[in-house]
Amino acid sequence: MMPALAEERLAPRVIGVEFPYGHPFGVPGDTSMQRQVLELALRVLAGADAPGTRVDLDVEWPIPLREAYRSWQPKKASPIVKVLLETGKRPG
C-alpha cells in the first residue's frame, strides 16, 4: 500500500511500497519482486507488536512513476473524466 494512503486510512499494519495504483505486489510477471513484497508482508503480519506498524520496502518501480501511471490510462478519456478535465476540476 502506498504509505500516504495507509496513514490516511489508519491501516493497522502496512508494507509501504511506492508502486503505481493497481500493482500492490509489483510488476506483473516479476515473481522475485512479488515474492519480496509477500515475504515482508507475512513477516510484518506475524511480528508486528502493535497496530500502526509500518515497514517500507526499498524497491523501486523500474520506470518513473509518472510514466507508469500514464501507461495504464486509456487512450480516450471516459465522458466523466473528459468533463472534469474540461472544467479543470479534480475527481474526489
PDB file of N, CA and C in Angstrom:
ATOM      1  N   MET A   1       0.855  -1.176   0.000  1.00  0.00           N
ATOM      2  CA  MET A   1       0.000   0.000   0.000  1.00  0.00           C
ATOM      3  C   MET A   1       0.894   1.230   0.000  1.00  0.00           C
ATOM      4  N   MET A   2       0.456   2.241  -0.693  1.00  0.00           N
ATOM      5  CA  MET A   2       1.221   3.486  -0.693  1.00  0.00           C
ATOM      6  C   MET A   2       1.156   4.087   0.716  1.00  0.00           C
ATOM      7  N   PRO A   3       2.295   4.443   1.291  1.00  0.00           N
ATOM      8  CA  PRO A   3       2.339   4.888   2.682  1.00  0.00           C
ATOM      9  C   PRO A   3       1.383   6.030   3.019  1.00  0.00           C
ATOM     10  N   ALA A   4       1.274   7.023   2.152  1.00  0.00           N
ATOM     11  CA  ALA A   4       0.379   8.147   2.449  1.00  0.00           C
ATOM     12  C   ALA A   4      -1.074   7.693   2.546  1.00  0.00           C
ATOM     13  N   LEU A   5      -1.480   6.799   1.659  1.00  0.00           N
ATOM     14  CA  LEU A   5      -2.842   6.273   1.687  1.00  0.00           C
ATOM     15  C   LEU A   5      -3.071   5.436   2.936  1.00  0.00           C
ATOM     16  N   ALA A   6      -2.095   4.647   3.326  1.00  0.00           N
ATOM     17  CA  ALA A   6      -2.211   3.811   4.519  1.00  0.00           C
ATOM     18  C   ALA A   6      -2.387   4.675   5.769  1.00  0.00           C
ATOM     19  N   GLU A   7      -1.622   5.744   5.861  1.00  0.00           N
ATOM     20  CA  GLU A   7      -1.741   6.641   7.012  1.00  0.00           C
ATOM     21  C   GLU A   7      -3.105   7.317   7.038  1.00  0.00           C
ATOM     22  N   GLU A   8      -3.577   7.734   5.879  1.00  0.00           N
ATOM     23  CA  GLU A   8      -4.881   8.384   5.778  1.00  0.00           C
ATOM     24  C   GLU A   8      -6.000   7.444   6.220  1.00  0.00           C
ATOM     25  N   ARG A   9      -5.874   6.155   5.870  1.00  0.00           N
ATOM     26  CA  ARG A   9      -6.917   5.157   6.166  1.00  0.00           C
ATOM     27  C   ARG A   9      -6.718   4.483   7.523  1.00  0.00           C
ATOM     28  N   LEU A  10      -5.674   4.866   8.235  1.00  0.00           N
ATOM     29  CA  LEU A  10      -5.357   4.306   9.547  1.00  0.00           C
ATOM     30  C   LEU A  10      -5.224   2.786   9.505  1.00  0.00           C
ATOM     31  N   ALA A  11      -4.518   2.300   8.509  1.00  0.00           N
ATOM     32  CA  ALA A  11      -4.308   0.860   8.362  1.00  0.00           C
ATOM     33  C   ALA A  11      -3.518   0.337   9.565  1.00  0.00           C
ATOM     34  N   PRO A  12      -3.901  -0.828  10.117  1.00  0.00           N
ATOM     35  CA  PRO A  12      -3.240  -1.327  11.324  1.00  0.00           C
ATOM     36  C   PRO A  12      -1.799  -1.797  11.103  1.00  0.00           C
ATOM     37  N   ARG A  13      -1.523  -2.382   9.965  1.00  0.00           N
ATOM     38  CA  ARG A  13      -0.175  -2.835   9.631  1.00  0.00           C
ATOM     39  C   ARG A  13       0.044  -2.550   8.155  1.00  0.00           C
ATOM     40  N   VAL A  14       1.178  -1.985   7.833  1.00  0.00           N
ATOM     41  CA  VAL A  14       1.387  -1.525   6.464  1.00  0.00           C
ATOM     42  C   VAL A  14       2.758  -1.918   5.961  1.00  0.00           C
ATOM     43  N   ILE A  15       2.775  -2.393   4.719  1.00  0.00           N
ATOM     44  CA  ILE A  15       4.018  -2.536   3.988  1.00  0.00           C
ATOM     45  C   ILE A  15       4.007  -1.375   3.002  1.00  0.00           C
ATOM     46  N   GLY A  16       4.929  -0.459   3.161  1.00  0.00           N
ATOM     47  CA  GLY A  16       4.975   0.719   2.297  1.00  0.00           C
ATOM     48  C   GLY A  16       5.694   0.409   0.994  1.00  0.00           C
ATOM     49  N   VAL A  17       4.977   0.549  -0.105  1.00  0.00           N
ATOM     50  CA  VAL A  17       5.568   0.382  -1.433  1.00  0.00           C
ATOM     51  C   VAL A  17       5.124   1.555  -2.296  1.00  0.00           C
ATOM     52  N   GLU A  18       6.029   2.092  -3.065  1.00  0.00           N
ATOM     53  CA  GLU A  18       5.692   3.189  -3.969  1.00  0.00           C
ATOM     54  C   GLU A  18       5.516   2.605  -5.367  1.00  0.00           C
ATOM     55  N   PHE A  19       4.431   1.879  -5.533  1.00  0.00           N
ATOM     56  CA  PHE A  19       4.106   1.264  -6.814  1.00  0.00           C
ATOM     57  C   PHE A  19       2.875   1.948  -7.387  1.00  0.00           C
ATOM     58  N   PRO A  20       2.704   1.940  -8.695  1.00  0.00           N
ATOM     59  CA  PRO A  20       1.505   2.531  -9.290  1.00  0.00           C
ATOM     60  C   PRO A  20       0.236   1.829  -8.806  1.00  0.00           C
ATOM     61  N   TYR A  21      -0.836   2.592  -8.790  1.00  0.00           N
ATOM     62  CA  TYR A  21      -2.144   2.072  -8.380  1.00  0.00           C
ATOM     63  C   TYR A  21      -2.470   0.785  -9.131  1.00  0.00           C
ATOM     64  N   GLY A  22      -2.968  -0.196  -8.399  1.00  0.00           N
ATOM     65  CA  GLY A  22      -3.358  -1.456  -9.019  1.00  0.00           C
ATOM     66  C   GLY A  22      -2.260  -2.489  -9.060  1.00  0.00           C
ATOM     67  N   HIS A  23      -1.079  -2.145  -8.552  1.00  0.00           N
ATOM     68  CA  HIS A  23       0.055  -3.080  -8.576  1.00  0.00           C
ATOM     69  C   HIS A  23       0.657  -3.234  -7.176  1.00  0.00           C
ATOM     70  N   PRO A  24      -0.129  -3.672  -6.187  1.00  0.00           N
ATOM     71  CA  PRO A  24       0.376  -3.710  -4.824  1.00  0.00           C
ATOM     72  C   PRO A  24       1.515  -4.694  -4.598  1.00  0.00           C
ATOM     73  N   PHE A  25       1.642  -5.693  -5.462  1.00  0.00           N
ATOM     74  CA  PHE A  25       2.716  -6.664  -5.300  1.00  0.00           C
ATOM     75  C   PHE A  25       3.860  -6.444  -6.273  1.00  0.00           C
ATOM     76  N   GLY A  26       3.770  -5.446  -7.112  1.00  0.00           N
ATOM     77  CA  GLY A  26       4.872  -5.146  -8.008  1.00  0.00           C
ATOM     78  C   GLY A  26       4.546  -5.347  -9.472  1.00  0.00           C
ATOM     79  N   VAL A  27       5.585  -5.429 -10.261  1.00  0.00           N
ATOM     80  CA  VAL A  27       5.471  -5.537 -11.710  1.00  0.00           C
ATOM     81  C   VAL A  27       4.846  -6.883 -12.083  1.00  0.00           C
ATOM     82  N   PRO A  28       3.819  -6.878 -12.931  1.00  0.00           N
ATOM     83  CA  PRO A  28       3.241  -8.147 -13.384  1.00  0.00           C
ATOM     84  C   PRO A  28       4.323  -9.037 -14.006  1.00  0.00           C
ATOM     85  N   GLY A  29       4.351 -10.281 -13.571  1.00  0.00           N
ATOM     86  CA  GLY A  29       5.326 -11.230 -14.108  1.00  0.00           C
ATOM     87  C   GLY A  29       6.669 -11.237 -13.405  1.00  0.00           C
ATOM     88  N   ASP A  30       6.933 -10.252 -12.528  1.00  0.00           N
ATOM     89  CA  ASP A  30       8.207 -10.196 -11.807  1.00  0.00           C
ATOM     90  C   ASP A  30       8.046 -10.949 -10.485  1.00  0.00           C
ATOM     91  N   THR A  31       8.211 -12.262 -10.533  1.00  0.00           N
ATOM     92  CA  THR A  31       7.969 -13.087  -9.356  1.00  0.00           C
ATOM     93  C   THR A  31       8.943 -12.795  -8.220  1.00  0.00           C
ATOM     94  N   SER A  32      10.143 -12.354  -8.537  1.00  0.00           N
ATOM     95  CA  SER A  32      11.110 -12.019  -7.492  1.00  0.00           C
ATOM     96  C   SER A  32      10.620 -10.819  -6.677  1.00  0.00           C
ATOM     97  N   MET A  33      10.174  -9.763  -7.361  1.00  0.00           N
ATOM     98  CA  MET A  33       9.661  -8.576  -6.680  1.00  0.00           C
ATOM     99  C   MET A  33       8.406  -8.928  -5.883  1.00  0.00           C
ATOM    100  N   GLN A  34       7.513  -9.683  -6.481  1.00  0.00           N
ATOM    101  CA  GLN A  34       6.268 -10.053  -5.817  1.00  0.00           C
ATOM    102  C   GLN A  34       6.544 -10.884  -4.564  1.00  0.00           C
ATOM    103  N   ARG A  35       7.531 -11.754  -4.653  1.00  0.00           N
ATOM    104  CA  ARG A  35       7.887 -12.588  -3.504  1.00  0.00           C
ATOM    105  C   ARG A  35       8.452 -11.720  -2.372  1.00  0.00           C
ATOM    106  N   GLN A  36       9.269 -10.719  -2.705  1.00  0.00           N
ATOM    107  CA  GLN A  36       9.808  -9.811  -1.680  1.00  0.00           C
ATOM    108  C   GLN A  36       8.673  -9.128  -0.928  1.00  0.00           C
ATOM    109  N   VAL A  37       7.695  -8.631  -1.662  1.00  0.00           N
ATOM    110  CA  VAL A  37       6.566  -7.942  -1.037  1.00  0.00           C
ATOM    111  C   VAL A  37       5.791  -8.911  -0.146  1.00  0.00           C
ATOM    112  N   LEU A  38       5.489 -10.078  -0.666  1.00  0.00           N
ATOM    113  CA  LEU A  38       4.713 -11.062   0.091  1.00  0.00           C
ATOM    114  C   LEU A  38       5.455 -11.509   1.349  1.00  0.00           C
ATOM    115  N   GLU A  39       6.742 -11.811   1.237  1.00  0.00           N
ATOM    116  CA  GLU A  39       7.502 -12.270   2.404  1.00  0.00           C
ATOM    117  C   GLU A  39       7.574 -11.194   3.487  1.00  0.00           C
ATOM    118  N   LEU A  40       7.768  -9.944   3.077  1.00  0.00           N
ATOM    119  CA  LEU A  40       7.800  -8.868   4.064  1.00  0.00           C
ATOM    120  C   LEU A  40       6.428  -8.692   4.701  1.00  0.00           C
ATOM    121  N   ALA A  41       5.377  -8.765   3.914  1.00  0.00           N
ATOM    122  CA  ALA A  41       4.022  -8.633   4.452  1.00  0.00           C
ATOM    123  C   ALA A  41       3.732  -9.718   5.487  1.00  0.00           C
ATOM    124  N   LEU A  42       4.137 -10.936   5.207  1.00  0.00           N
ATOM    125  CA  LEU A  42       3.912 -12.029   6.155  1.00  0.00           C
ATOM    126  C   LEU A  42       4.732 -11.840   7.429  1.00  0.00           C
ATOM    127  N   ARG A  43       5.970 -11.350   7.300  1.00  0.00           N
ATOM    128  CA  ARG A  43       6.798 -11.091   8.486  1.00  0.00           C
ATOM    129  C   ARG A  43       6.180  -9.994   9.354  1.00  0.00           C
ATOM    130  N   VAL A  44       5.681  -8.936   8.717  1.00  0.00           N
ATOM    131  CA  VAL A  44       5.071  -7.848   9.482  1.00  0.00           C
ATOM    132  C   VAL A  44       3.771  -8.331  10.135  1.00  0.00           C
ATOM    133  N   LEU A  45       2.982  -9.074   9.416  1.00  0.00           N
ATOM    134  CA  LEU A  45       1.727  -9.591   9.967  1.00  0.00           C
ATOM    135  C   LEU A  45       1.999 -10.481  11.176  1.00  0.00           C
ATOM    136  N   ALA A  46       3.004 -11.334  11.069  1.00  0.00           N
ATOM    137  CA  ALA A  46       3.314 -12.260  12.158  1.00  0.00           C
ATOM    138  C   ALA A  46       4.035 -11.596  13.322  1.00  0.00           C
ATOM    139  N   GLY A  47       4.809 -10.538  13.049  1.00  0.00           N
ATOM    140  CA  GLY A  47       5.663  -9.996  14.092  1.00  0.00           C
ATOM    141  C   GLY A  47       5.359  -8.597  14.573  1.00  0.00           C
ATOM    142  N   ALA A  48       4.350  -7.935  14.016  1.00  0.00           N
ATOM    143  CA  ALA A  48       4.056  -6.562  14.436  1.00  0.00           C
ATOM    144  C   ALA A  48       3.551  -6.558  15.879  1.00  0.00           C
ATOM    145  N   ASP A  49       4.157  -5.738  16.708  1.00  0.00           N
ATOM    146  CA  ASP A  49       3.785  -5.681  18.120  1.00  0.00           C
ATOM    147  C   ASP A  49       2.490  -4.920  18.370  1.00  0.00           C
ATOM    148  N   ALA A  50       2.208  -3.944  17.502  1.00  0.00           N
ATOM    149  CA  ALA A  50       1.047  -3.098  17.765  1.00  0.00           C
ATOM    150  C   ALA A  50       0.457  -2.572  16.467  1.00  0.00           C
ATOM    151  N   PRO A  51      -0.824  -2.199  16.512  1.00  0.00           N
ATOM    152  CA  PRO A  51      -1.401  -1.554  15.333  1.00  0.00           C
ATOM    153  C   PRO A  51      -0.635  -0.278  15.007  1.00  0.00           C
ATOM    154  N   GLY A  52      -0.630   0.074  13.746  1.00  0.00           N
ATOM    155  CA  GLY A  52       0.091   1.267  13.311  1.00  0.00           C
ATOM    156  C   GLY A  52       1.501   0.960  12.846  1.00  0.00           C
ATOM    157  N   THR A  53       1.864  -0.315  12.842  1.00  0.00           N
ATOM    158  CA  THR A  53       3.197  -0.709  12.395  1.00  0.00           C
ATOM    159  C   THR A  53       3.331  -0.453  10.904  1.00  0.00           C
ATOM    160  N   ARG A  54       4.442   0.154  10.530  1.00  0.00           N
ATOM    161  CA  ARG A  54       4.708   0.426   9.115  1.00  0.00           C
ATOM    162  C   ARG A  54       6.142   0.037   8.792  1.00  0.00           C
ATOM    163  N   VAL A  55       6.286  -0.772   7.758  1.00  0.00           N
ATOM    164  CA  VAL A  55       7.604  -1.166   7.281  1.00  0.00           C
ATOM    165  C   VAL A  55       7.648  -0.862   5.790  1.00  0.00           C
ATOM    166  N   ASP A  56       8.628  -0.085   5.380  1.00  0.00           N
ATOM    167  CA  ASP A  56       8.753   0.272   3.970  1.00  0.00           C
ATOM    168  C   ASP A  56       9.658  -0.715   3.254  1.00  0.00           C
ATOM    169  N   LEU A  57       9.269  -1.074   2.059  1.00  0.00           N
ATOM    170  CA  LEU A  57      10.075  -1.947   1.215  1.00  0.00           C
ATOM    171  C   LEU A  57      10.848  -1.068   0.248  1.00  0.00           C
ATOM    172  N   ASP A  58      12.161  -1.163   0.300  1.00  0.00           N
ATOM    173  CA  ASP A  58      13.015  -0.315  -0.531  1.00  0.00           C
ATOM    174  C   ASP A  58      13.230  -0.959  -1.902  1.00  0.00           C
ATOM    175  N   VAL A  59      12.175  -0.938  -2.705  1.00  0.00           N
ATOM    176  CA  VAL A  59      12.226  -1.464  -4.068  1.00  0.00           C
ATOM    177  C   VAL A  59      11.637  -0.389  -4.970  1.00  0.00           C
ATOM    178  N   GLU A  60      12.348  -0.047  -6.022  1.00  0.00           N
ATOM    179  CA  GLU A  60      11.861   0.989  -6.933  1.00  0.00           C
ATOM    180  C   GLU A  60      11.169   0.378  -8.135  1.00  0.00           C
ATOM    181  N   TRP A  61      10.136   1.057  -8.591  1.00  0.00           N
ATOM    182  CA  TRP A  61       9.464   0.672  -9.827  1.00  0.00           C
ATOM    183  C   TRP A  61      10.459   0.870 -10.962  1.00  0.00           C
ATOM    184  N   PRO A  62      10.507  -0.043 -11.944  1.00  0.00           N
ATOM    185  CA  PRO A  62      11.563   0.016 -12.967  1.00  0.00           C
ATOM    186  C   PRO A  62      11.483   1.190 -13.946  1.00  0.00           C
ATOM    187  N   ILE A  63      10.359   1.872 -14.002  1.00  0.00           N
ATOM    188  CA  ILE A  63      10.258   3.077 -14.836  1.00  0.00           C
ATOM    189  C   ILE A  63       9.744   4.207 -13.948  1.00  0.00           C
ATOM    190  N   PRO A  64       9.955   5.464 -14.330  1.00  0.00           N
ATOM    191  CA  PRO A  64       9.465   6.570 -13.498  1.00  0.00           C
ATOM    192  C   PRO A  64       7.961   6.436 -13.230  1.00  0.00           C
ATOM    193  N   LEU A  65       7.554   6.709 -11.984  1.00  0.00           N
ATOM    194  CA  LEU A  65       6.152   6.529 -11.602  1.00  0.00           C
ATOM    195  C   LEU A  65       5.192   7.346 -12.459  1.00  0.00           C
ATOM    196  N   ARG A  66       5.588   8.541 -12.805  1.00  0.00           N
ATOM    197  CA  ARG A  66       4.712   9.384 -13.638  1.00  0.00           C
ATOM    198  C   ARG A  66       4.416   8.696 -14.970  1.00  0.00           C
ATOM    199  N   GLU A  67       5.438   8.109 -15.555  1.00  0.00           N
ATOM    200  CA  GLU A  67       5.277   7.374 -16.815  1.00  0.00           C
ATOM    201  C   GLU A  67       4.434   6.107 -16.599  1.00  0.00           C
ATOM    202  N   ALA A  68       4.650   5.437 -15.482  1.00  0.00           N
ATOM    203  CA  ALA A  68       3.892   4.220 -15.179  1.00  0.00           C
ATOM    204  C   ALA A  68       2.406   4.527 -15.029  1.00  0.00           C
ATOM    205  N   TYR A  69       2.078   5.617 -14.349  1.00  0.00           N
ATOM    206  CA  TYR A  69       0.665   5.979 -14.178  1.00  0.00           C
ATOM    207  C   TYR A  69       0.013   6.268 -15.529  1.00  0.00           C
ATOM    208  N   ARG A  70       0.745   6.926 -16.397  1.00  0.00           N
ATOM    209  CA  ARG A  70       0.191   7.221 -17.720  1.00  0.00           C
ATOM    210  C   ARG A  70      -0.034   5.957 -18.539  1.00  0.00           C
ATOM    211  N   SER A  71       0.823   4.958 -18.359  1.00  0.00           N
ATOM    212  CA  SER A  71       0.767   3.759 -19.198  1.00  0.00           C
ATOM    213  C   SER A  71      -0.512   2.956 -19.022  1.00  0.00           C
ATOM    214  N   TRP A  72      -1.167   3.045 -17.860  1.00  0.00           N
ATOM    215  CA  TRP A  72      -2.400   2.276 -17.684  1.00  0.00           C
ATOM    216  C   TRP A  72      -3.653   3.109 -17.931  1.00  0.00           C
ATOM    217  N   GLN A  73      -3.481   4.358 -18.264  1.00  0.00           N
ATOM    218  CA  GLN A  73      -4.634   5.193 -18.590  1.00  0.00           C
ATOM    219  C   GLN A  73      -5.147   4.859 -19.989  1.00  0.00           C
ATOM    220  N   PRO A  74      -6.465   4.855 -20.177  1.00  0.00           N
ATOM    221  CA  PRO A  74      -6.993   4.597 -21.521  1.00  0.00           C
ATOM    222  C   PRO A  74      -6.613   5.730 -22.474  1.00  0.00           C
ATOM    223  N   LYS A  75      -6.544   5.408 -23.751  1.00  0.00           N
ATOM    224  CA  LYS A  75      -6.166   6.418 -24.760  1.00  0.00           C
ATOM    225  C   LYS A  75      -7.203   7.533 -24.842  1.00  0.00           C
ATOM    226  N   LYS A  76      -8.469   7.155 -24.669  1.00  0.00           N
ATOM    227  CA  LYS A  76      -9.554   8.137 -24.745  1.00  0.00           C
ATOM    228  C   LYS A  76     -10.199   8.263 -23.366  1.00  0.00           C
ATOM    229  N   ALA A  77     -10.345   9.496 -22.898  1.00  0.00           N
ATOM    230  CA  ALA A  77     -10.938   9.736 -21.582  1.00  0.00           C
ATOM    231  C   ALA A  77     -12.405   9.334 -21.563  1.00  0.00           C
ATOM    232  N   SER A  78     -12.850   8.806 -20.421  1.00  0.00           N
ATOM    233  CA  SER A  78     -14.264   8.489 -20.255  1.00  0.00           C
ATOM    234  C   SER A  78     -15.048   9.806 -20.241  1.00  0.00           C
ATOM    235  N   PRO A  79     -16.363   9.767 -20.477  1.00  0.00           N
ATOM    236  CA  PRO A  79     -17.141  11.016 -20.507  1.00  0.00           C
ATOM    237  C   PRO A  79     -17.002  11.848 -19.232  1.00  0.00           C
ATOM    238  N   ILE A  80     -17.036  11.211 -18.070  1.00  0.00           N
ATOM    239  CA  ILE A  80     -16.941  11.981 -16.827  1.00  0.00           C
ATOM    240  C   ILE A  80     -15.552  12.587 -16.650  1.00  0.00           C
ATOM    241  N   VAL A  81     -14.517  11.855 -17.011  1.00  0.00           N
ATOM    242  CA  VAL A  81     -13.159  12.391 -16.911  1.00  0.00           C
ATOM    243  C   VAL A  81     -12.978  13.531 -17.908  1.00  0.00           C
ATOM    244  N   LYS A  82     -13.556  13.395 -19.080  1.00  0.00           N
ATOM    245  CA  LYS A  82     -13.473  14.457 -20.083  1.00  0.00           C
ATOM    246  C   LYS A  82     -14.089  15.755 -19.554  1.00  0.00           C
ATOM    247  N   VAL A  83     -15.245  15.647 -18.918  1.00  0.00           N
ATOM    248  CA  VAL A  83     -15.901  16.838 -18.352  1.00  0.00           C
ATOM    249  C   VAL A  83     -15.040  17.446 -17.258  1.00  0.00           C
ATOM    250  N   LEU A  84     -14.477  16.595 -16.389  1.00  0.00           N
ATOM    251  CA  LEU A  84     -13.630  17.098 -15.304  1.00  0.00           C
ATOM    252  C   LEU A  84     -12.390  17.804 -15.855  1.00  0.00           C
ATOM    253  N   LEU A  85     -11.796  17.229 -16.895  1.00  0.00           N
ATOM    254  CA  LEU A  85     -10.623  17.848 -17.492  1.00  0.00           C
ATOM    255  C   LEU A  85     -10.973  19.192 -18.132  1.00  0.00           C
ATOM    256  N   GLU A  86     -12.112  19.256 -18.789  1.00  0.00           N
ATOM    257  CA  GLU A  86     -12.523  20.497 -19.447  1.00  0.00           C
ATOM    258  C   GLU A  86     -12.852  21.598 -18.441  1.00  0.00           C
ATOM    259  N   THR A  87     -13.393  21.236 -17.279  1.00  0.00           N
ATOM    260  CA  THR A  87     -13.763  22.233 -16.288  1.00  0.00           C
ATOM    261  C   THR A  87     -12.633  22.542 -15.316  1.00  0.00           C
ATOM    262  N   GLY A  88     -11.554  21.751 -15.391  1.00  0.00           N
ATOM    263  CA  GLY A  88     -10.416  21.971 -14.511  1.00  0.00           C
ATOM    264  C   GLY A  88     -10.622  21.424 -13.111  1.00  0.00           C
ATOM    265  N   LYS A  89     -11.636  20.595 -12.910  1.00  0.00           N
ATOM    266  CA  LYS A  89     -11.894  20.017 -11.597  1.00  0.00           C
ATOM    267  C   LYS A  89     -11.148  18.702 -11.467  1.00  0.00           C
ATOM    268  N   ARG A  90     -10.828  18.392 -10.202  1.00  0.00           N
ATOM    269  CA  ARG A  90     -10.179  17.115  -9.898  1.00  0.00           C
ATOM    270  C   ARG A  90     -11.215  16.181  -9.274  1.00  0.00           C
ATOM    271  N   PRO A  91     -11.191  14.900  -9.634  1.00  0.00           N
ATOM    272  CA  PRO A  91     -12.118  13.959  -9.016  1.00  0.00           C
ATOM    273  C   PRO A  91     -11.886  13.864  -7.511  1.00  0.00           C
ATOM    274  N   GLY A  92     -12.968  13.578  -6.774  1.00  0.00           N
ATOM    275  CA  GLY A  92     -12.856  13.364  -5.335  1.00  0.00           C
ATOM    276  C   GLY A  92     -12.999  14.629  -4.621  1.00  0.00           C
TER     277      GLY A  92
END
